[in-house]
N, C-alpha and C. Protein backbone atom coordinates (compact mmCIF):
# COMPACT_ATOMS: atom_id res chain seq x y z
N MET A 1 23.99 127.16 -101.68
CA MET A 1 24.44 126.42 -100.51
C MET A 1 25.46 127.22 -99.71
N LYS A 2 26.41 127.82 -100.41
CA LYS A 2 27.45 128.60 -99.75
C LYS A 2 26.84 129.78 -99.00
N THR A 3 25.86 130.45 -99.62
CA THR A 3 25.20 131.59 -99.00
C THR A 3 24.46 131.17 -97.74
N LYS A 4 23.79 130.03 -97.77
CA LYS A 4 23.07 129.54 -96.60
C LYS A 4 24.03 129.20 -95.48
N LEU A 5 25.17 128.62 -95.81
CA LEU A 5 26.16 128.27 -94.80
C LEU A 5 26.72 129.52 -94.14
N ILE A 6 27.02 130.53 -94.93
CA ILE A 6 27.53 131.79 -94.38
C ILE A 6 26.49 132.44 -93.47
N ALA A 7 25.23 132.43 -93.88
CA ALA A 7 24.15 132.99 -93.07
C ALA A 7 24.02 132.24 -91.75
N LEU A 8 24.13 130.93 -91.78
CA LEU A 8 24.03 130.12 -90.57
C LEU A 8 25.18 130.42 -89.61
N VAL A 9 26.39 130.48 -90.13
CA VAL A 9 27.56 130.79 -89.30
C VAL A 9 27.43 132.18 -88.68
N THR A 10 26.96 133.14 -89.46
CA THR A 10 26.76 134.50 -88.95
C THR A 10 25.73 134.52 -87.83
N LEU A 11 24.63 133.82 -88.00
CA LEU A 11 23.59 133.75 -86.98
C LEU A 11 24.11 133.12 -85.70
N ILE A 12 24.80 132.01 -85.81
CA ILE A 12 25.35 131.33 -84.63
C ILE A 12 26.36 132.22 -83.93
N SER A 13 27.21 132.90 -84.69
CA SER A 13 28.21 133.80 -84.10
C SER A 13 27.54 134.93 -83.35
N SER A 14 26.49 135.51 -83.92
CA SER A 14 25.83 136.64 -83.26
C SER A 14 25.15 136.18 -81.98
N LEU A 15 24.62 134.95 -81.96
CA LEU A 15 23.99 134.44 -80.75
C LEU A 15 25.03 134.11 -79.69
N ALA A 16 26.15 133.57 -80.11
CA ALA A 16 27.18 133.16 -79.16
C ALA A 16 27.97 134.33 -78.61
N PHE A 17 28.28 135.29 -79.45
CA PHE A 17 29.15 136.38 -79.03
C PHE A 17 28.45 137.73 -78.93
N GLY A 18 27.24 137.86 -79.44
CA GLY A 18 26.56 139.14 -79.50
C GLY A 18 25.98 139.59 -78.18
N HIS A 19 25.76 138.65 -77.25
CA HIS A 19 25.14 139.02 -75.98
C HIS A 19 26.19 139.41 -74.96
N GLU A 20 26.34 140.67 -74.79
CA GLU A 20 27.22 141.19 -73.75
C GLU A 20 26.60 142.46 -73.24
N GLY A 21 26.79 142.74 -71.98
CA GLY A 21 26.23 143.94 -71.39
C GLY A 21 26.77 145.18 -72.06
N VAL A 22 26.01 146.25 -71.92
CA VAL A 22 26.42 147.53 -72.47
C VAL A 22 26.71 148.47 -71.31
N GLU A 23 27.42 149.53 -71.60
CA GLU A 23 27.74 150.51 -70.58
C GLU A 23 26.53 151.41 -70.36
N LEU A 24 26.09 151.50 -69.09
CA LEU A 24 24.92 152.30 -68.76
C LEU A 24 25.33 153.57 -68.01
N GLY A 25 24.58 154.62 -68.24
CA GLY A 25 24.87 155.92 -67.64
C GLY A 25 24.10 156.17 -66.36
N PRO A 26 24.25 157.36 -65.79
CA PRO A 26 23.63 157.70 -64.51
C PRO A 26 22.10 157.71 -64.55
N ASN A 27 21.51 157.84 -65.72
CA ASN A 27 20.05 157.84 -65.85
C ASN A 27 19.52 156.51 -66.36
N GLY A 28 20.37 155.48 -66.38
CA GLY A 28 19.96 154.15 -66.83
C GLY A 28 19.95 153.98 -68.34
N GLY A 29 20.46 154.97 -69.07
CA GLY A 29 20.51 154.89 -70.53
C GLY A 29 21.80 154.29 -71.01
N ARG A 30 21.84 153.99 -72.28
CA ARG A 30 23.03 153.40 -72.91
C ARG A 30 24.05 154.48 -73.22
N ILE A 31 25.30 154.23 -72.89
CA ILE A 31 26.39 155.17 -73.16
C ILE A 31 26.97 154.90 -74.53
N LEU A 32 27.12 155.96 -75.32
CA LEU A 32 27.82 155.92 -76.59
C LEU A 32 28.98 156.89 -76.51
N GLU A 33 30.09 156.55 -77.14
CA GLU A 33 31.27 157.41 -77.12
C GLU A 33 31.14 158.49 -78.19
N PHE A 34 31.28 159.74 -77.77
CA PHE A 34 31.24 160.88 -78.68
C PHE A 34 32.61 161.55 -78.79
N SER A 35 33.67 160.86 -78.39
CA SER A 35 35.03 161.39 -78.52
C SER A 35 35.98 160.21 -78.70
N LYS A 36 37.18 160.51 -79.14
CA LYS A 36 38.19 159.47 -79.33
C LYS A 36 38.94 159.17 -78.03
N ASN A 37 38.85 160.07 -77.05
CA ASN A 37 39.61 159.91 -75.81
C ASN A 37 38.70 159.80 -74.57
N GLU A 38 37.45 159.43 -74.77
CA GLU A 38 36.48 159.21 -73.70
C GLU A 38 36.22 160.44 -72.82
N THR A 39 36.30 161.62 -73.41
CA THR A 39 36.00 162.85 -72.67
C THR A 39 34.58 163.34 -72.90
N MET A 40 33.88 162.76 -73.88
CA MET A 40 32.50 163.15 -74.16
C MET A 40 31.69 161.88 -74.46
N HIS A 41 30.55 161.78 -73.80
CA HIS A 41 29.67 160.62 -73.99
C HIS A 41 28.27 161.10 -74.30
N GLY A 42 27.51 160.23 -74.92
CA GLY A 42 26.08 160.46 -75.09
C GLY A 42 25.35 159.36 -74.35
N GLU A 43 24.36 159.73 -73.55
CA GLU A 43 23.54 158.74 -72.86
C GLU A 43 22.19 158.70 -73.55
N VAL A 44 21.85 157.54 -74.13
CA VAL A 44 20.63 157.38 -74.91
C VAL A 44 19.54 156.75 -74.04
N THR A 45 18.44 157.45 -73.88
CA THR A 45 17.27 156.93 -73.18
C THR A 45 16.07 157.06 -74.11
N VAL A 46 14.99 156.37 -73.77
CA VAL A 46 13.77 156.47 -74.56
C VAL A 46 12.67 157.03 -73.67
N LYS A 47 12.00 158.06 -74.18
CA LYS A 47 10.84 158.63 -73.51
C LYS A 47 9.76 158.78 -74.56
N GLY A 48 8.67 158.04 -74.36
CA GLY A 48 7.60 158.07 -75.35
C GLY A 48 8.07 157.45 -76.65
N SER A 49 7.96 158.20 -77.72
CA SER A 49 8.37 157.70 -79.04
C SER A 49 9.65 158.37 -79.53
N LYS A 50 10.51 158.79 -78.59
CA LYS A 50 11.72 159.51 -78.98
C LYS A 50 12.92 159.02 -78.18
N PHE A 51 14.09 159.07 -78.84
CA PHE A 51 15.36 158.89 -78.14
C PHE A 51 15.74 160.25 -77.57
N HIS A 52 16.22 160.26 -76.35
CA HIS A 52 16.77 161.46 -75.74
C HIS A 52 18.24 161.19 -75.52
N ILE A 53 19.10 162.07 -76.02
CA ILE A 53 20.54 161.88 -75.93
C ILE A 53 21.13 163.02 -75.12
N ALA A 54 21.52 162.71 -73.89
CA ALA A 54 22.12 163.69 -73.00
C ALA A 54 23.64 163.64 -73.18
N LEU A 55 24.28 164.79 -73.14
CA LEU A 55 25.74 164.85 -73.23
C LEU A 55 26.32 164.77 -71.83
N LEU A 56 27.36 163.94 -71.68
CA LEU A 56 28.02 163.76 -70.40
C LEU A 56 29.52 163.90 -70.58
N ASP A 57 30.19 164.47 -69.59
CA ASP A 57 31.65 164.61 -69.67
C ASP A 57 32.32 163.32 -69.20
N LYS A 58 33.64 163.34 -69.07
CA LYS A 58 34.40 162.13 -68.70
C LYS A 58 34.02 161.59 -67.33
N ASP A 59 33.47 162.45 -66.46
CA ASP A 59 33.04 162.04 -65.13
C ASP A 59 31.55 161.72 -65.07
N ARG A 60 30.93 161.66 -66.26
CA ARG A 60 29.51 161.37 -66.42
C ARG A 60 28.61 162.46 -65.81
N LYS A 61 29.10 163.67 -65.84
CA LYS A 61 28.32 164.84 -65.40
C LYS A 61 27.72 165.50 -66.63
N PRO A 62 26.50 166.07 -66.51
CA PRO A 62 25.85 166.71 -67.67
C PRO A 62 26.67 167.84 -68.25
N VAL A 63 26.62 167.97 -69.57
CA VAL A 63 27.30 169.03 -70.30
C VAL A 63 26.22 169.92 -70.93
N ALA A 64 26.36 171.22 -70.76
CA ALA A 64 25.40 172.15 -71.35
C ALA A 64 25.57 172.21 -72.86
N LEU A 65 24.45 172.31 -73.56
CA LEU A 65 24.50 172.44 -75.02
C LEU A 65 24.88 173.85 -75.40
N ASP A 66 25.76 173.94 -76.38
CA ASP A 66 26.17 175.24 -76.89
C ASP A 66 26.25 175.14 -78.41
N LYS A 67 27.43 174.87 -78.93
CA LYS A 67 27.63 174.79 -80.37
C LYS A 67 27.70 173.36 -80.89
N GLN A 68 27.43 172.38 -80.01
CA GLN A 68 27.47 170.99 -80.42
C GLN A 68 26.34 170.70 -81.41
N SER A 69 26.58 169.70 -82.26
CA SER A 69 25.54 169.29 -83.20
C SER A 69 25.52 167.78 -83.31
N LEU A 70 24.39 167.26 -83.76
CA LEU A 70 24.21 165.82 -83.89
C LEU A 70 23.42 165.55 -85.16
N THR A 71 23.88 164.56 -85.92
CA THR A 71 23.16 164.08 -87.09
C THR A 71 22.78 162.64 -86.80
N ALA A 72 21.55 162.26 -87.15
CA ALA A 72 21.07 160.90 -86.89
C ALA A 72 20.60 160.26 -88.19
N ILE A 73 20.98 159.00 -88.36
CA ILE A 73 20.66 158.26 -89.58
C ILE A 73 20.20 156.85 -89.18
N THR A 74 19.29 156.29 -89.95
CA THR A 74 18.88 154.90 -89.79
C THR A 74 18.68 154.29 -91.16
N GLY A 75 18.26 153.05 -91.22
CA GLY A 75 18.05 152.38 -92.51
C GLY A 75 19.28 151.61 -92.93
N ASP A 76 19.21 151.02 -94.13
CA ASP A 76 20.35 150.26 -94.61
C ASP A 76 21.28 151.14 -95.45
N ARG A 77 22.41 150.58 -95.81
CA ARG A 77 23.42 151.36 -96.54
C ARG A 77 22.94 151.83 -97.90
N LYS A 78 22.06 151.06 -98.53
CA LYS A 78 21.57 151.43 -99.86
C LYS A 78 20.58 152.58 -99.81
N SER A 79 19.84 152.67 -98.72
CA SER A 79 18.86 153.76 -98.61
C SER A 79 18.80 154.29 -97.17
N PRO A 80 19.87 154.97 -96.74
CA PRO A 80 19.86 155.53 -95.40
C PRO A 80 18.81 156.64 -95.28
N GLN A 81 18.27 156.76 -94.09
CA GLN A 81 17.24 157.76 -93.84
C GLN A 81 17.73 158.72 -92.76
N LYS A 82 17.80 159.99 -93.09
CA LYS A 82 18.21 161.00 -92.12
C LYS A 82 17.03 161.32 -91.21
N LEU A 83 17.29 161.39 -89.92
CA LEU A 83 16.25 161.66 -88.94
C LEU A 83 16.33 163.11 -88.45
N ALA A 84 15.20 163.66 -88.12
CA ALA A 84 15.16 165.02 -87.58
C ALA A 84 15.76 165.02 -86.18
N VAL A 85 16.62 165.97 -85.90
CA VAL A 85 17.25 166.11 -84.59
C VAL A 85 16.87 167.46 -84.02
N GLU A 86 16.36 167.44 -82.79
CA GLU A 86 16.00 168.68 -82.10
C GLU A 86 16.87 168.80 -80.85
N LYS A 87 17.03 170.01 -80.38
CA LYS A 87 17.73 170.25 -79.12
C LYS A 87 16.69 170.55 -78.05
N ASP A 88 16.98 170.09 -76.83
CA ASP A 88 16.17 170.49 -75.70
C ASP A 88 17.11 170.90 -74.57
N ALA A 89 16.59 171.13 -73.39
CA ALA A 89 17.41 171.62 -72.27
C ALA A 89 18.49 170.63 -71.85
N LYS A 90 18.28 169.34 -72.08
CA LYS A 90 19.23 168.33 -71.60
C LYS A 90 20.07 167.71 -72.69
N GLY A 91 19.77 167.98 -73.95
CA GLY A 91 20.55 167.37 -75.03
C GLY A 91 19.80 167.37 -76.34
N PHE A 92 19.82 166.22 -76.99
CA PHE A 92 19.21 166.09 -78.31
C PHE A 92 18.03 165.13 -78.24
N VAL A 93 17.07 165.33 -79.14
CA VAL A 93 15.89 164.47 -79.23
C VAL A 93 15.79 163.98 -80.67
N VAL A 94 15.65 162.66 -80.83
CA VAL A 94 15.62 162.02 -82.14
C VAL A 94 14.43 161.06 -82.17
N PRO A 95 13.72 160.97 -83.30
CA PRO A 95 12.63 159.99 -83.38
C PRO A 95 13.13 158.57 -83.15
N LEU A 96 12.30 157.76 -82.52
CA LEU A 96 12.61 156.36 -82.26
C LEU A 96 12.68 155.60 -83.58
N VAL A 97 13.67 154.73 -83.73
CA VAL A 97 13.76 153.88 -84.91
C VAL A 97 13.00 152.59 -84.63
N LYS A 98 12.74 151.81 -85.66
CA LYS A 98 12.04 150.54 -85.48
C LYS A 98 12.94 149.55 -84.75
N ALA A 99 12.31 148.64 -84.02
CA ALA A 99 13.05 147.60 -83.32
C ALA A 99 13.91 146.83 -84.32
N GLY A 100 15.17 146.59 -83.97
CA GLY A 100 16.09 145.86 -84.83
C GLY A 100 16.88 146.74 -85.79
N GLU A 101 16.51 148.01 -85.90
CA GLU A 101 17.25 148.91 -86.79
C GLU A 101 18.41 149.55 -86.05
N TRP A 102 19.35 150.06 -86.83
CA TRP A 102 20.51 150.74 -86.28
C TRP A 102 20.27 152.23 -86.22
N LEU A 103 20.76 152.84 -85.17
CA LEU A 103 20.77 154.30 -85.02
C LEU A 103 22.23 154.71 -85.15
N ILE A 104 22.52 155.52 -86.14
CA ILE A 104 23.89 156.00 -86.36
C ILE A 104 23.90 157.49 -86.05
N LEU A 105 24.76 157.87 -85.11
CA LEU A 105 24.84 159.26 -84.67
C LEU A 105 26.21 159.83 -85.03
N GLN A 106 26.21 161.03 -85.57
CA GLN A 106 27.46 161.74 -85.87
C GLN A 106 27.46 163.02 -85.04
N TYR A 107 28.35 163.05 -84.06
CA TYR A 107 28.42 164.15 -83.10
C TYR A 107 29.58 165.08 -83.44
N LYS A 108 29.32 166.39 -83.36
CA LYS A 108 30.36 167.40 -83.51
C LYS A 108 30.34 168.29 -82.28
N ASN A 109 31.50 168.50 -81.70
CA ASN A 109 31.63 169.36 -80.53
C ASN A 109 31.53 170.84 -80.90
N ALA A 110 31.88 171.15 -82.14
CA ALA A 110 31.83 172.53 -82.66
C ALA A 110 31.55 172.44 -84.16
N PRO A 111 31.07 173.52 -84.76
CA PRO A 111 30.74 173.47 -86.19
C PRO A 111 31.91 173.06 -87.09
N ASP A 112 33.13 173.44 -86.73
CA ASP A 112 34.29 173.12 -87.57
C ASP A 112 35.04 171.85 -87.12
N ALA A 113 34.50 171.15 -86.12
CA ALA A 113 35.15 169.94 -85.60
C ALA A 113 34.84 168.75 -86.51
N LYS A 114 35.70 167.75 -86.44
CA LYS A 114 35.47 166.52 -87.18
C LYS A 114 34.40 165.69 -86.44
N ALA A 115 33.50 165.10 -87.19
CA ALA A 115 32.42 164.31 -86.58
C ALA A 115 32.94 163.00 -86.02
N VAL A 116 32.39 162.60 -84.89
CA VAL A 116 32.66 161.30 -84.28
C VAL A 116 31.38 160.48 -84.46
N THR A 117 31.52 159.28 -85.00
CA THR A 117 30.37 158.44 -85.29
C THR A 117 30.19 157.37 -84.21
N ALA A 118 28.96 157.22 -83.75
CA ALA A 118 28.59 156.18 -82.78
C ALA A 118 27.41 155.41 -83.35
N ARG A 119 27.40 154.11 -83.14
CA ARG A 119 26.34 153.25 -83.67
C ARG A 119 25.72 152.43 -82.55
N MET A 120 24.40 152.20 -82.69
CA MET A 120 23.69 151.40 -81.70
C MET A 120 22.55 150.66 -82.38
N GLU A 121 22.49 149.36 -82.16
CA GLU A 121 21.34 148.60 -82.66
C GLU A 121 20.23 148.71 -81.62
N TYR A 122 19.06 149.10 -82.05
CA TYR A 122 17.91 149.22 -81.16
C TYR A 122 17.24 147.86 -81.05
N ASN A 123 17.86 146.97 -80.28
CA ASN A 123 17.39 145.60 -80.11
C ASN A 123 16.49 145.57 -78.88
N THR A 124 15.18 145.43 -79.11
CA THR A 124 14.20 145.47 -78.03
C THR A 124 13.89 144.09 -77.44
N ALA A 125 14.53 143.04 -77.96
CA ALA A 125 14.31 141.71 -77.41
C ALA A 125 14.74 141.70 -75.95
N THR A 126 14.06 140.92 -75.13
CA THR A 126 14.35 140.87 -73.70
C THR A 126 15.49 139.89 -73.42
N CYS A 127 16.47 140.35 -72.67
CA CYS A 127 17.59 139.51 -72.23
C CYS A 127 17.04 138.50 -71.23
N GLU A 128 17.32 137.23 -71.43
CA GLU A 128 16.81 136.20 -70.53
C GLU A 128 17.43 136.30 -69.14
N GLU A 129 18.67 136.78 -69.07
CA GLU A 129 19.36 136.82 -67.79
C GLU A 129 18.95 138.01 -66.92
N CYS A 130 19.01 139.22 -67.47
CA CYS A 130 18.72 140.41 -66.65
C CYS A 130 17.30 140.96 -66.86
N LYS A 131 16.58 140.42 -67.85
CA LYS A 131 15.19 140.79 -68.14
C LYS A 131 15.02 142.22 -68.65
N GLU A 132 16.10 142.81 -69.12
CA GLU A 132 16.07 144.15 -69.71
C GLU A 132 16.10 144.02 -71.23
N PRO A 133 15.68 145.07 -71.96
CA PRO A 133 15.85 145.03 -73.42
C PRO A 133 17.34 144.89 -73.74
N GLU A 134 17.66 144.14 -74.79
CA GLU A 134 19.06 143.90 -75.15
C GLU A 134 19.85 145.19 -75.33
N TRP A 135 19.23 146.24 -75.85
CA TRP A 135 19.98 147.48 -76.07
C TRP A 135 20.36 148.15 -74.74
N LEU A 136 19.75 147.68 -73.63
CA LEU A 136 20.07 148.17 -72.29
C LEU A 136 20.50 147.03 -71.35
N CYS A 137 21.01 145.96 -71.91
CA CYS A 137 21.37 144.76 -71.15
C CYS A 137 22.38 145.08 -70.05
N LYS A 138 22.08 144.63 -68.82
CA LYS A 138 22.95 144.90 -67.67
C LYS A 138 23.92 143.77 -67.39
N CYS A 139 23.88 142.70 -68.19
CA CYS A 139 24.77 141.56 -67.97
C CYS A 139 26.22 141.95 -68.23
N LYS A 140 27.11 141.32 -67.50
CA LYS A 140 28.53 141.58 -67.71
C LYS A 140 29.02 140.78 -68.91
N PRO A 141 30.01 141.32 -69.63
CA PRO A 141 30.60 140.56 -70.74
C PRO A 141 31.15 139.23 -70.24
N GLU A 142 31.16 138.22 -71.10
CA GLU A 142 31.63 136.88 -70.72
C GLU A 142 33.02 136.90 -70.10
N LYS A 143 33.92 137.75 -70.61
CA LYS A 143 35.29 137.77 -70.11
C LYS A 143 35.37 138.29 -68.67
N GLU A 144 34.32 139.03 -68.19
CA GLU A 144 34.34 139.55 -66.83
C GLU A 144 33.65 138.61 -65.84
N LYS A 145 32.92 137.60 -66.34
CA LYS A 145 32.20 136.69 -65.44
C LYS A 145 33.12 135.69 -64.79
């Protein structure tokens, strides 16, 4: 009974507070923070069956790839799955995760730098208000409305 009650409260909380817009980048992708001081961002877009992660500076201008690295993980805590990460001319390419799964990215600006972790749930459900997938929801947070 206690477990069912906790599950119900969690579900209601996620429905009531979970729907808030996300920060979108210049290419319409979701922005993830790749620094502690907002000087490096990753813009996540989907093309075909892959995530494309472009690096952007504090002014949201493209950053050339050099010694930066990215590690991608999905799955649950008991059995995380490491994903193959490739570099292309605009950033990193990662296989698409299943709808509802989390994409965990660990970004390093240099080989000896400390990794910065960013997380994103790939929620493909359609937002009723803006009609976009939830992971790209354009709605403003409740506190800004």
